[in-house]
Amino acid sequence: MELSEIQPDVKLSADLSALTAEVKIGGKMSGKLWDSANGATIWTNSSWGSWPMAKINLTEGGAGSFSYRNPSEKRNHIIMSLVRALNGEFWSTYETRKVEE
């Protein structure tokens, strides 16, 4: 598993009436399942994504918004998201179907 450095992103509207600044963190995870008898790879997969940590929006009229997520709390969410995406094939799932008469 790898977590990236914080990645800033600033956007200014074409008419200069709005500003958006965001900070994201990226994550990658890969996994491999080997056959212990002969060392052959049985299964491999990877997952990746990007999650917002802080964001601010400002508009010409003075209205705006701000959001922030504690990095240490967000880390657990990022890890679980990567794990679920990585090994989704192994999670129990249930499906209901309507049977036509």
PDB file of N, CA and C in Angstrom:
ATOM      1  N   MET A   1       0.833  -1.167   0.000  1.00  0.00           N
ATOM      2  CA  MET A   1       0.000   0.000   0.000  1.00  0.00           C
ATOM      3  C   MET A   1       0.882   1.236   0.000  1.00  0.00           C
ATOM      4  N   GLU A   2       0.464   2.237  -0.765  1.00  0.00           N
ATOM      5  CA  GLU A   2       1.160   3.520  -0.821  1.00  0.00           C
ATOM      6  C   GLU A   2       0.151   4.648  -0.685  1.00  0.00           C
ATOM      7  N   LEU A   3       0.466   5.635   0.134  1.00  0.00           N
ATOM      8  CA  LEU A   3      -0.312   6.866   0.186  1.00  0.00           C
ATOM      9  C   LEU A   3       0.578   7.976  -0.342  1.00  0.00           C
ATOM     10  N   SER A   4       0.019   8.813  -1.197  1.00  0.00           N
ATOM     11  CA  SER A   4       0.809   9.876  -1.812  1.00  0.00           C
ATOM     12  C   SER A   4       0.954  11.064  -0.868  1.00  0.00           C
ATOM     13  N   GLU A   5       1.795  11.976  -1.246  1.00  0.00           N
ATOM     14  CA  GLU A   5       1.866  13.261  -0.567  1.00  0.00           C
ATOM     15  C   GLU A   5       0.575  14.016  -0.865  1.00  0.00           C
ATOM     16  N   ILE A   6       0.276  15.006  -0.076  1.00  0.00           N
ATOM     17  CA  ILE A   6      -0.911  15.823  -0.310  1.00  0.00           C
ATOM     18  C   ILE A   6      -0.758  16.561  -1.636  1.00  0.00           C
ATOM     19  N   GLN A   7      -1.839  16.550  -2.439  1.00  0.00           N
ATOM     20  CA  GLN A   7      -1.821  17.144  -3.775  1.00  0.00           C
ATOM     21  C   GLN A   7      -2.788  18.329  -3.824  1.00  0.00           C
ATOM     22  N   PRO A   8      -2.278  19.552  -3.940  1.00  0.00           N
ATOM     23  CA  PRO A   8      -3.173  20.708  -4.030  1.00  0.00           C
ATOM     24  C   PRO A   8      -3.706  20.896  -5.450  1.00  0.00           C
ATOM     25  N   ASP A   9      -4.892  21.480  -5.547  1.00  0.00           N
ATOM     26  CA  ASP A   9      -5.503  21.781  -6.844  1.00  0.00           C
ATOM     27  C   ASP A   9      -6.291  23.076  -6.688  1.00  0.00           C
ATOM     28  N   VAL A  10      -5.934  24.109  -7.451  1.00  0.00           N
ATOM     29  CA  VAL A  10      -6.603  25.406  -7.381  1.00  0.00           C
ATOM     30  C   VAL A  10      -7.219  25.703  -8.737  1.00  0.00           C
ATOM     31  N   LYS A  11      -8.494  26.133  -8.718  1.00  0.00           N
ATOM     32  CA  LYS A  11      -9.195  26.472  -9.961  1.00  0.00           C
ATOM     33  C   LYS A  11      -9.827  27.851  -9.815  1.00  0.00           C
ATOM     34  N   LEU A  12      -9.683  28.656 -10.844  1.00  0.00           N
ATOM     35  CA  LEU A  12     -10.267  29.981 -10.901  1.00  0.00           C
ATOM     36  C   LEU A  12     -11.197  30.016 -12.098  1.00  0.00           C
ATOM     37  N   SER A  13     -12.416  30.482 -11.892  1.00  0.00           N
ATOM     38  CA  SER A  13     -13.373  30.500 -13.001  1.00  0.00           C
ATOM     39  C   SER A  13     -12.892  31.459 -14.092  1.00  0.00           C
ATOM     40  N   ALA A  14     -13.372  31.235 -15.307  1.00  0.00           N
ATOM     41  CA  ALA A  14     -12.945  32.029 -16.462  1.00  0.00           C
ATOM     42  C   ALA A  14     -13.253  33.513 -16.280  1.00  0.00           C
ATOM     43  N   ASP A  15     -14.361  33.828 -15.609  1.00  0.00           N
ATOM     44  CA  ASP A  15     -14.717  35.236 -15.405  1.00  0.00           C
ATOM     45  C   ASP A  15     -14.180  35.790 -14.079  1.00  0.00           C
ATOM     46  N   LEU A  16     -13.328  35.028 -13.407  1.00  0.00           N
ATOM     47  CA  LEU A  16     -12.677  35.404 -12.145  1.00  0.00           C
ATOM     48  C   LEU A  16     -13.664  35.657 -11.008  1.00  0.00           C
ATOM     49  N   SER A  17     -14.839  35.060 -11.076  1.00  0.00           N
ATOM     50  CA  SER A  17     -15.849  35.293 -10.046  1.00  0.00           C
ATOM     51  C   SER A  17     -15.873  34.204  -8.976  1.00  0.00           C
ATOM     52  N   ALA A  18     -15.141  33.128  -9.157  1.00  0.00           N
ATOM     53  CA  ALA A  18     -15.151  32.033  -8.183  1.00  0.00           C
ATOM     54  C   ALA A  18     -13.779  31.376  -8.119  1.00  0.00           C
ATOM     55  N   LEU A  19     -13.431  30.951  -6.918  1.00  0.00           N
ATOM     56  CA  LEU A  19     -12.158  30.270  -6.672  1.00  0.00           C
ATOM     57  C   LEU A  19     -12.438  29.005  -5.881  1.00  0.00           C
ATOM     58  N   THR A  20     -11.859  27.912  -6.312  1.00  0.00           N
ATOM     59  CA  THR A  20     -11.956  26.640  -5.602  1.00  0.00           C
ATOM     60  C   THR A  20     -10.550  26.116  -5.363  1.00  0.00           C
ATOM     61  N   ALA A  21     -10.255  25.786  -4.127  1.00  0.00           N
ATOM     62  CA  ALA A  21      -8.965  25.193  -3.779  1.00  0.00           C
ATOM     63  C   ALA A  21      -9.248  23.892  -3.036  1.00  0.00           C
ATOM     64  N   GLU A  22      -8.548  22.835  -3.426  1.00  0.00           N
ATOM     65  CA  GLU A  22      -8.787  21.516  -2.849  1.00  0.00           C
ATOM     66  C   GLU A  22      -7.455  20.821  -2.592  1.00  0.00           C
ATOM     67  N   VAL A  23      -7.437  20.030  -1.536  1.00  0.00           N
ATOM     68  CA  VAL A  23      -6.269  19.217  -1.218  1.00  0.00           C
ATOM     69  C   VAL A  23      -6.726  17.768  -1.193  1.00  0.00           C
ATOM     70  N   LYS A  24      -6.048  16.911  -1.969  1.00  0.00           N
ATOM     71  CA  LYS A  24      -6.390  15.484  -2.045  1.00  0.00           C
ATOM     72  C   LYS A  24      -5.188  14.642  -1.650  1.00  0.00           C
ATOM     73  N   ILE A  25      -5.488  13.414  -1.293  1.00  0.00           N
ATOM     74  CA  ILE A  25      -4.429  12.431  -1.039  1.00  0.00           C
ATOM     75  C   ILE A  25      -4.764  11.198  -1.875  1.00  0.00           C
ATOM     76  N   GLY A  26      -3.767  10.635  -2.512  1.00  0.00           N
ATOM     77  CA  GLY A  26      -3.959   9.462  -3.352  1.00  0.00           C
ATOM     78  C   GLY A  26      -3.470   8.207  -2.646  1.00  0.00           C
ATOM     79  N   GLY A  27      -4.035   7.084  -3.049  1.00  0.00           N
ATOM     80  CA  GLY A  27      -3.631   5.813  -2.473  1.00  0.00           C
ATOM     81  C   GLY A  27      -3.618   4.714  -3.525  1.00  0.00           C
ATOM     82  N   LYS A  28      -2.693   3.758  -3.356  1.00  0.00           N
ATOM     83  CA  LYS A  28      -2.599   2.587  -4.242  1.00  0.00           C
ATOM     84  C   LYS A  28      -2.363   1.351  -3.389  1.00  0.00           C
ATOM     85  N   MET A  29      -2.939   0.253  -3.818  1.00  0.00           N
ATOM     86  CA  MET A  29      -2.722  -1.023  -3.126  1.00  0.00           C
ATOM     87  C   MET A  29      -2.703  -2.133  -4.161  1.00  0.00           C
ATOM     88  N   SER A  30      -1.829  -3.095  -3.975  1.00  0.00           N
ATOM     89  CA  SER A  30      -1.803  -4.255  -4.865  1.00  0.00           C
ATOM     90  C   SER A  30      -1.672  -5.519  -4.021  1.00  0.00           C
ATOM     91  N   GLY A  31      -2.190  -6.602  -4.572  1.00  0.00           N
ATOM     92  CA  GLY A  31      -2.138  -7.878  -3.868  1.00  0.00           C
ATOM     93  C   GLY A  31      -1.922  -9.018  -4.843  1.00  0.00           C
ATOM     94  N   LYS A  32      -1.349 -10.085  -4.326  1.00  0.00           N
ATOM     95  CA  LYS A  32      -1.065 -11.249  -5.157  1.00  0.00           C
ATOM     96  C   LYS A  32      -1.261 -12.499  -4.301  1.00  0.00           C
ATOM     97  N   LEU A  33      -1.853 -13.520  -4.891  1.00  0.00           N
ATOM     98  CA  LEU A  33      -2.058 -14.800  -4.220  1.00  0.00           C
ATOM     99  C   LEU A  33      -1.235 -15.848  -4.953  1.00  0.00           C
ATOM    100  N   TRP A  34      -0.350 -16.535  -4.197  1.00  0.00           N
ATOM    101  CA  TRP A  34       0.537 -17.535  -4.792  1.00  0.00           C
ATOM    102  C   TRP A  34       0.118 -18.938  -4.379  1.00  0.00           C
ATOM    103  N   ASP A  35       0.382 -19.884  -5.247  1.00  0.00           N
ATOM    104  CA  ASP A  35       0.236 -21.298  -4.925  1.00  0.00           C
ATOM    105  C   ASP A  35       1.481 -21.689  -4.150  1.00  0.00           C
ATOM    106  N   SER A  36       1.306 -22.126  -2.905  1.00  0.00           N
ATOM    107  CA  SER A  36       2.474 -22.420  -2.063  1.00  0.00           C
ATOM    108  C   SER A  36       3.234 -23.662  -2.526  1.00  0.00           C
ATOM    109  N   ALA A  37       2.592 -24.539  -3.283  1.00  0.00           N
ATOM    110  CA  ALA A  37       3.270 -25.757  -3.733  1.00  0.00           C
ATOM    111  C   ALA A  37       4.297 -25.465  -4.825  1.00  0.00           C
ATOM    112  N   ASN A  38       3.946 -24.583  -5.792  1.00  0.00           N
ATOM    113  CA  ASN A  38       4.879 -24.367  -6.899  1.00  0.00           C
ATOM    114  C   ASN A  38       5.236 -22.889  -7.119  1.00  0.00           C
ATOM    115  N   GLY A  39       4.678 -21.994  -6.306  1.00  0.00           N
ATOM    116  CA  GLY A  39       5.018 -20.577  -6.421  1.00  0.00           C
ATOM    117  C   GLY A  39       4.334 -19.843  -7.565  1.00  0.00           C
ATOM    118  N   ALA A  40       3.385 -20.487  -8.224  1.00  0.00           N
ATOM    119  CA  ALA A  40       2.690 -19.854  -9.342  1.00  0.00           C
ATOM    120  C   ALA A  40       1.699 -18.805  -8.818  1.00  0.00           C
ATOM    121  N   THR A  41       1.541 -17.746  -9.579  1.00  0.00           N
ATOM    122  CA  THR A  41       0.567 -16.721  -9.223  1.00  0.00           C
ATOM    123  C   THR A  41      -0.831 -17.213  -9.581  1.00  0.00           C
ATOM    124  N   ILE A  42      -1.722 -17.214  -8.590  1.00  0.00           N
ATOM    125  CA  ILE A  42      -3.098 -17.661  -8.805  1.00  0.00           C
ATOM    126  C   ILE A  42      -4.010 -16.467  -9.088  1.00  0.00           C
ATOM    127  N   TRP A  43      -3.757 -15.368  -8.394  1.00  0.00           N
ATOM    128  CA  TRP A  43      -4.626 -14.195  -8.507  1.00  0.00           C
ATOM    129  C   TRP A  43      -3.804 -12.942  -8.210  1.00  0.00           C
ATOM    130  N   THR A  44      -4.098 -11.880  -8.921  1.00  0.00           N
ATOM    131  CA  THR A  44      -3.469 -10.593  -8.647  1.00  0.00           C
ATOM    132  C   THR A  44      -4.463  -9.481  -8.969  1.00  0.00           C
ATOM    133  N   ASN A  45      -4.363  -8.392  -8.237  1.00  0.00           N
ATOM    134  CA  ASN A  45      -5.264  -7.273  -8.464  1.00  0.00           C
ATOM    135  C   ASN A  45      -4.643  -6.021  -7.861  1.00  0.00           C
ATOM    136  N   SER A  46      -5.143  -4.874  -8.256  1.00  0.00           N
ATOM    137  CA  SER A  46      -4.691  -3.616  -7.672  1.00  0.00           C
ATOM    138  C   SER A  46      -5.859  -2.645  -7.607  1.00  0.00           C
ATOM    139  N   SER A  47      -5.741  -1.661  -6.731  1.00  0.00           N
ATOM    140  CA  SER A  47      -6.758  -0.625  -6.609  1.00  0.00           C
ATOM    141  C   SER A  47      -6.063   0.704  -6.345  1.00  0.00           C
ATOM    142  N   TRP A  48      -6.722   1.796  -6.701  1.00  0.00           N
ATOM    143  CA  TRP A  48      -6.155   3.120  -6.483  1.00  0.00           C
ATOM    144  C   TRP A  48      -7.295   4.119  -6.436  1.00  0.00           C
ATOM    145  N   GLY A  49      -7.007   5.268  -5.900  1.00  0.00           N
ATOM    146  CA  GLY A  49      -8.022   6.306  -5.828  1.00  0.00           C
ATOM    147  C   GLY A  49      -7.457   7.590  -5.265  1.00  0.00           C
ATOM    148  N   SER A  50      -8.314   8.587  -5.160  1.00  0.00           N
ATOM    149  CA  SER A  50      -7.947   9.901  -4.660  1.00  0.00           C
ATOM    150  C   SER A  50      -9.079  10.397  -3.765  1.00  0.00           C
ATOM    151  N   TRP A  51      -8.747  10.926  -2.593  1.00  0.00           N
ATOM    152  CA  TRP A  51      -9.739  11.345  -1.624  1.00  0.00           C
ATOM    153  C   TRP A  51      -9.491  12.780  -1.189  1.00  0.00           C
ATOM    154  N   PRO A  52     -10.576  13.598  -1.119  1.00  0.00           N
ATOM    155  CA  PRO A  52     -10.416  14.990  -0.685  1.00  0.00           C
ATOM    156  C   PRO A  52     -10.139  15.075   0.820  1.00  0.00           C
ATOM    157  N   MET A  53      -9.241  15.973   1.201  1.00  0.00           N
ATOM    158  CA  MET A  53      -8.921  16.193   2.613  1.00  0.00           C
ATOM    159  C   MET A  53      -9.424  17.561   3.081  1.00  0.00           C
ATOM    160  N   ALA A  54      -9.357  18.544   2.208  1.00  0.00           N
ATOM    161  CA  ALA A  54      -9.832  19.889   2.536  1.00  0.00           C
ATOM    162  C   ALA A  54     -10.253  20.582   1.244  1.00  0.00           C
ATOM    163  N   LYS A  55     -11.254  21.460   1.369  1.00  0.00           N
ATOM    164  CA  LYS A  55     -11.738  22.174   0.189  1.00  0.00           C
ATOM    165  C   LYS A  55     -12.314  23.511   0.622  1.00  0.00           C
ATOM    166  N   ILE A  56     -12.056  24.523  -0.193  1.00  0.00           N
ATOM    167  CA  ILE A  56     -12.621  25.842   0.054  1.00  0.00           C
ATOM    168  C   ILE A  56     -13.159  26.396  -1.258  1.00  0.00           C
ATOM    169  N   ASN A  57     -14.356  26.966  -1.198  1.00  0.00           N
ATOM    170  CA  ASN A  57     -14.996  27.609  -2.352  1.00  0.00           C
ATOM    171  C   ASN A  57     -15.281  29.054  -1.985  1.00  0.00           C
ATOM    172  N   LEU A  58     -14.886  29.977  -2.832  1.00  0.00           N
ATOM    173  CA  LEU A  58     -15.173  31.392  -2.632  1.00  0.00           C
ATOM    174  C   LEU A  58     -15.805  31.948  -3.896  1.00  0.00           C
ATOM    175  N   THR A  59     -16.823  32.801  -3.714  1.00  0.00           N
ATOM    176  CA  THR A  59     -17.476  33.420  -4.867  1.00  0.00           C
ATOM    177  C   THR A  59     -17.363  34.936  -4.756  1.00  0.00           C
ATOM    178  N   GLU A  60     -17.676  35.579  -5.837  1.00  0.00           N
ATOM    179  CA  GLU A  60     -17.545  37.029  -5.948  1.00  0.00           C
ATOM    180  C   GLU A  60     -18.352  37.770  -4.877  1.00  0.00           C
ATOM    181  N   GLY A  61     -19.527  37.275  -4.550  1.00  0.00           N
ATOM    182  CA  GLY A  61     -20.382  37.932  -3.570  1.00  0.00           C
ATOM    183  C   GLY A  61     -19.965  37.720  -2.125  1.00  0.00           C
ATOM    184  N   GLY A  62     -18.902  37.008  -1.898  1.00  0.00           N
ATOM    185  CA  GLY A  62     -18.428  36.759  -0.539  1.00  0.00           C
ATOM    186  C   GLY A  62     -18.920  35.455   0.058  1.00  0.00           C
ATOM    187  N   ALA A  63     -19.830  34.782  -0.618  1.00  0.00           N
ATOM    188  CA  ALA A  63     -20.318  33.490  -0.121  1.00  0.00           C
ATOM    189  C   ALA A  63     -19.237  32.440  -0.338  1.00  0.00           C
ATOM    190  N   GLY A  64     -19.236  31.456   0.503  1.00  0.00           N
ATOM    191  CA  GLY A  64     -18.242  30.402   0.343  1.00  0.00           C
ATOM    192  C   GLY A  64     -18.523  29.222   1.244  1.00  0.00           C
ATOM    193  N   SER A  65     -17.681  28.218   1.127  1.00  0.00           N
ATOM    194  CA  SER A  65     -17.801  27.035   1.974  1.00  0.00           C
ATOM    195  C   SER A  65     -16.413  26.482   2.225  1.00  0.00           C
ATOM    196  N   PHE A  66     -16.306  25.713   3.301  1.00  0.00           N
ATOM    197  CA  PHE A  66     -15.036  25.119   3.683  1.00  0.00           C
ATOM    198  C   PHE A  66     -15.304  23.748   4.277  1.00  0.00           C
ATOM    199  N   SER A  67     -14.493  22.762   3.930  1.00  0.00           N
ATOM    200  CA  SER A  67     -14.596  21.443   4.549  1.00  0.00           C
ATOM    201  C   SER A  67     -13.193  20.918   4.835  1.00  0.00           C
ATOM    202  N   TYR A  68     -13.083  20.137   5.903  1.00  0.00           N
ATOM    203  CA  TYR A  68     -11.791  19.583   6.310  1.00  0.00           C
ATOM    204  C   TYR A  68     -12.018  18.214   6.919  1.00  0.00           C
ATOM    205  N   ARG A  69     -11.125  17.284   6.606  1.00  0.00           N
ATOM    206  CA  ARG A  69     -11.176  15.945   7.192  1.00  0.00           C
ATOM    207  C   ARG A  69      -9.840  15.671   7.863  1.00  0.00           C
ATOM    208  N   ASN A  70      -9.897  15.171   9.066  1.00  0.00           N
ATOM    209  CA  ASN A  70      -8.684  14.845   9.815  1.00  0.00           C
ATOM    210  C   ASN A  70      -7.939  13.721   9.092  1.00  0.00           C
ATOM    211  N   PRO A  71      -6.677  13.946   8.699  1.00  0.00           N
ATOM    212  CA  PRO A  71      -5.936  12.924   7.934  1.00  0.00           C
ATOM    213  C   PRO A  71      -5.838  11.571   8.631  1.00  0.00           C
ATOM    214  N   SER A  72      -5.650  11.552   9.951  1.00  0.00           N
ATOM    215  CA  SER A  72      -5.509  10.259  10.626  1.00  0.00           C
ATOM    216  C   SER A  72      -6.826   9.488  10.632  1.00  0.00           C
ATOM    217  N   GLU A  73      -7.953  10.200  10.738  1.00  0.00           N
ATOM    218  CA  GLU A  73      -9.259   9.533  10.672  1.00  0.00           C
ATOM    219  C   GLU A  73      -9.576   9.097   9.249  1.00  0.00           C
ATOM    220  N   LYS A  74      -9.224   9.903   8.284  1.00  0.00           N
ATOM    221  CA  LYS A  74      -9.494   9.602   6.875  1.00  0.00           C
ATOM    222  C   LYS A  74      -8.651   8.415   6.399  1.00  0.00           C
ATOM    223  N   ARG A  75      -7.486   8.223   7.006  1.00  0.00           N
ATOM    224  CA  ARG A  75      -6.579   7.138   6.602  1.00  0.00           C
ATOM    225  C   ARG A  75      -7.271   5.775   6.679  1.00  0.00           C
ATOM    226  N   ASN A  76      -8.010   5.526   7.763  1.00  0.00           N
ATOM    227  CA  ASN A  76      -8.716   4.244   7.897  1.00  0.00           C
ATOM    228  C   ASN A  76      -9.749   4.066   6.793  1.00  0.00           C
ATOM    229  N   HIS A  77     -10.457   5.129   6.459  1.00  0.00           N
ATOM    230  CA  HIS A  77     -11.443   5.071   5.372  1.00  0.00           C
ATOM    231  C   HIS A  77     -10.762   4.765   4.039  1.00  0.00           C
ATOM    232  N   ILE A  78      -9.628   5.402   3.789  1.00  0.00           N
ATOM    233  CA  ILE A  78      -8.881   5.174   2.546  1.00  0.00           C
ATOM    234  C   ILE A  78      -8.429   3.720   2.456  1.00  0.00           C
ATOM    235  N   ILE A  79      -7.866   3.208   3.539  1.00  0.00           N
ATOM    236  CA  ILE A  79      -7.370   1.824   3.551  1.00  0.00           C
ATOM    237  C   ILE A  79      -8.515   0.852   3.291  1.00  0.00           C
ATOM    238  N   MET A  80      -9.646   1.016   3.973  1.00  0.00           N
ATOM    239  CA  MET A  80     -10.770   0.097   3.766  1.00  0.00           C
ATOM    240  C   MET A  80     -11.325   0.209   2.353  1.00  0.00           C
ATOM    241  N   SER A  81     -11.361   1.400   1.794  1.00  0.00           N
ATOM    242  CA  SER A  81     -11.833   1.569   0.408  1.00  0.00           C
ATOM    243  C   SER A  81     -10.922   0.834  -0.562  1.00  0.00           C
ATOM    244  N   LEU A  82      -9.616   0.934  -0.354  1.00  0.00           N
ATOM    245  CA  LEU A  82      -8.656   0.243  -1.221  1.00  0.00           C
ATOM    246  C   LEU A  82      -8.774  -1.271  -1.075  1.00  0.00           C
ATOM    247  N   VAL A  83      -8.930  -1.750   0.158  1.00  0.00           N
ATOM    248  CA  VAL A  83      -9.059  -3.197   0.398  1.00  0.00           C
ATOM    249  C   VAL A  83     -10.325  -3.735  -0.264  1.00  0.00           C
ATOM    250  N   ARG A  84     -11.443  -3.039  -0.096  1.00  0.00           N
ATOM    251  CA  ARG A  84     -12.705  -3.504  -0.707  1.00  0.00           C
ATOM    252  C   ARG A  84     -12.613  -3.543  -2.231  1.00  0.00           C
ATOM    253  N   ALA A  85     -11.997  -2.530  -2.812  1.00  0.00           N
ATOM    254  CA  ALA A  85     -11.858  -2.509  -4.273  1.00  0.00           C
ATOM    255  C   ALA A  85     -10.882  -3.588  -4.739  1.00  0.00           C
ATOM    256  N   LEU A  86      -9.848  -3.834  -3.954  1.00  0.00           N
ATOM    257  CA  LEU A  86      -8.819  -4.812  -4.323  1.00  0.00           C
ATOM    258  C   LEU A  86      -9.357  -6.238  -4.309  1.00  0.00           C
ATOM    259  N   ASN A  87     -10.026  -6.612  -3.234  1.00  0.00           N
ATOM    260  CA  ASN A  87     -10.425  -8.021  -3.105  1.00  0.00           C
ATOM    261  C   ASN A  87     -11.923  -8.216  -3.110  1.00  0.00           C
ATOM    262  N   GLY A  88     -12.636  -7.395  -3.867  1.00  0.00           N
ATOM    263  CA  GLY A  88     -14.085  -7.506  -3.962  1.00  0.00           C
ATOM    264  C   GLY A  88     -14.566  -8.880  -4.381  1.00  0.00           C
ATOM    265  N   GLU A  89     -13.753  -9.607  -5.128  1.00  0.00           N
ATOM    266  CA  GLU A  89     -14.137 -10.942  -5.587  1.00  0.00           C
ATOM    267  C   GLU A  89     -14.282 -11.927  -4.440  1.00  0.00           C
ATOM    268  N   PHE A  90     -13.669 -11.639  -3.292  1.00  0.00           N
ATOM    269  CA  PHE A  90     -13.681 -12.569  -2.168  1.00  0.00           C
ATOM    270  C   PHE A  90     -14.703 -12.207  -1.098  1.00  0.00           C
ATOM    271  N   TRP A  91     -15.390 -11.063  -1.231  1.00  0.00           N
ATOM    272  CA  TRP A  91     -16.380 -10.651  -0.241  1.00  0.00           C
ATOM    273  C   TRP A  91     -17.700 -11.368  -0.533  1.00  0.00           C
ATOM    274  N   SER A  92     -18.390 -11.773   0.521  1.00  0.00           N
ATOM    275  CA  SER A  92     -19.702 -12.410   0.363  1.00  0.00           C
ATOM    276  C   SER A  92     -20.681 -11.400  -0.206  1.00  0.00           C
ATOM    277  N   THR A  93     -21.471 -11.836  -1.150  1.00  0.00           N
ATOM    278  CA  THR A  93     -22.506 -10.968  -1.706  1.00  0.00           C
ATOM    279  C   THR A  93     -23.800 -11.760  -1.808  1.00  0.00           C
ATOM    280  N   TYR A  94     -24.900 -11.036  -1.779  1.00  0.00           N
ATOM    281  CA  TYR A  94     -26.210 -11.655  -1.901  1.00  0.00           C
ATOM    282  C   TYR A  94     -26.944 -10.981  -3.048  1.00  0.00           C
ATOM    283  N   GLU A  95     -27.719 -11.776  -3.759  1.00  0.00           N
ATOM    284  CA  GLU A  95     -28.462 -11.247  -4.882  1.00  0.00           C
ATOM    285  C   GLU A  95     -29.863 -11.822  -4.837  1.00  0.00           C
ATOM    286  N   THR A  96     -30.840 -10.954  -5.025  1.00  0.00           N
ATOM    287  CA  THR A  96     -32.211 -11.438  -5.098  1.00  0.00           C
ATOM    288  C   THR A  96     -32.705 -11.244  -6.522  1.00  0.00           C
ATOM    289  N   ARG A  97     -33.465 -12.201  -6.974  1.00  0.00           N
ATOM    290  CA  ARG A  97     -34.007 -12.145  -8.349  1.00  0.00           C
ATOM    291  C   ARG A  97     -35.479 -12.500  -8.317  1.00  0.00           C
ATOM    292  N   LYS A  98     -36.231 -11.812  -9.120  1.00  0.00           N
ATOM    293  CA  LYS A  98     -37.644 -12.123  -9.252  1.00  0.00           C
ATOM    294  C   LYS A  98     -37.798 -13.271 -10.244  1.00  0.00           C
ATOM    295  N   VAL A  99     -38.511 -14.295  -9.851  1.00  0.00           N
ATOM    296  CA  VAL A  99     -38.741 -15.450 -10.705  1.00  0.00           C
ATOM    297  C   VAL A  99     -40.066 -15.246 -11.434  1.00  0.00           C
ATOM    298  N   GLU A 100     -39.994 -15.283 -12.739  1.00  0.00           N
ATOM    299  CA  GLU A 100     -41.205 -15.130 -13.546  1.00  0.00           C
ATOM    300  C   GLU A 100     -41.987 -16.432 -13.537  1.00  0.00           C
ATOM    301  N   GLU A 101     -43.298 -16.319 -13.424  1.00  0.00           N
ATOM    302  CA  GLU A 101     -44.153 -17.529 -13.401  1.00  0.00           C
ATOM    303  C   GLU A 101     -44.578 -17.928 -14.778  1.00  0.00           C
TER     304      GLU A 101
END
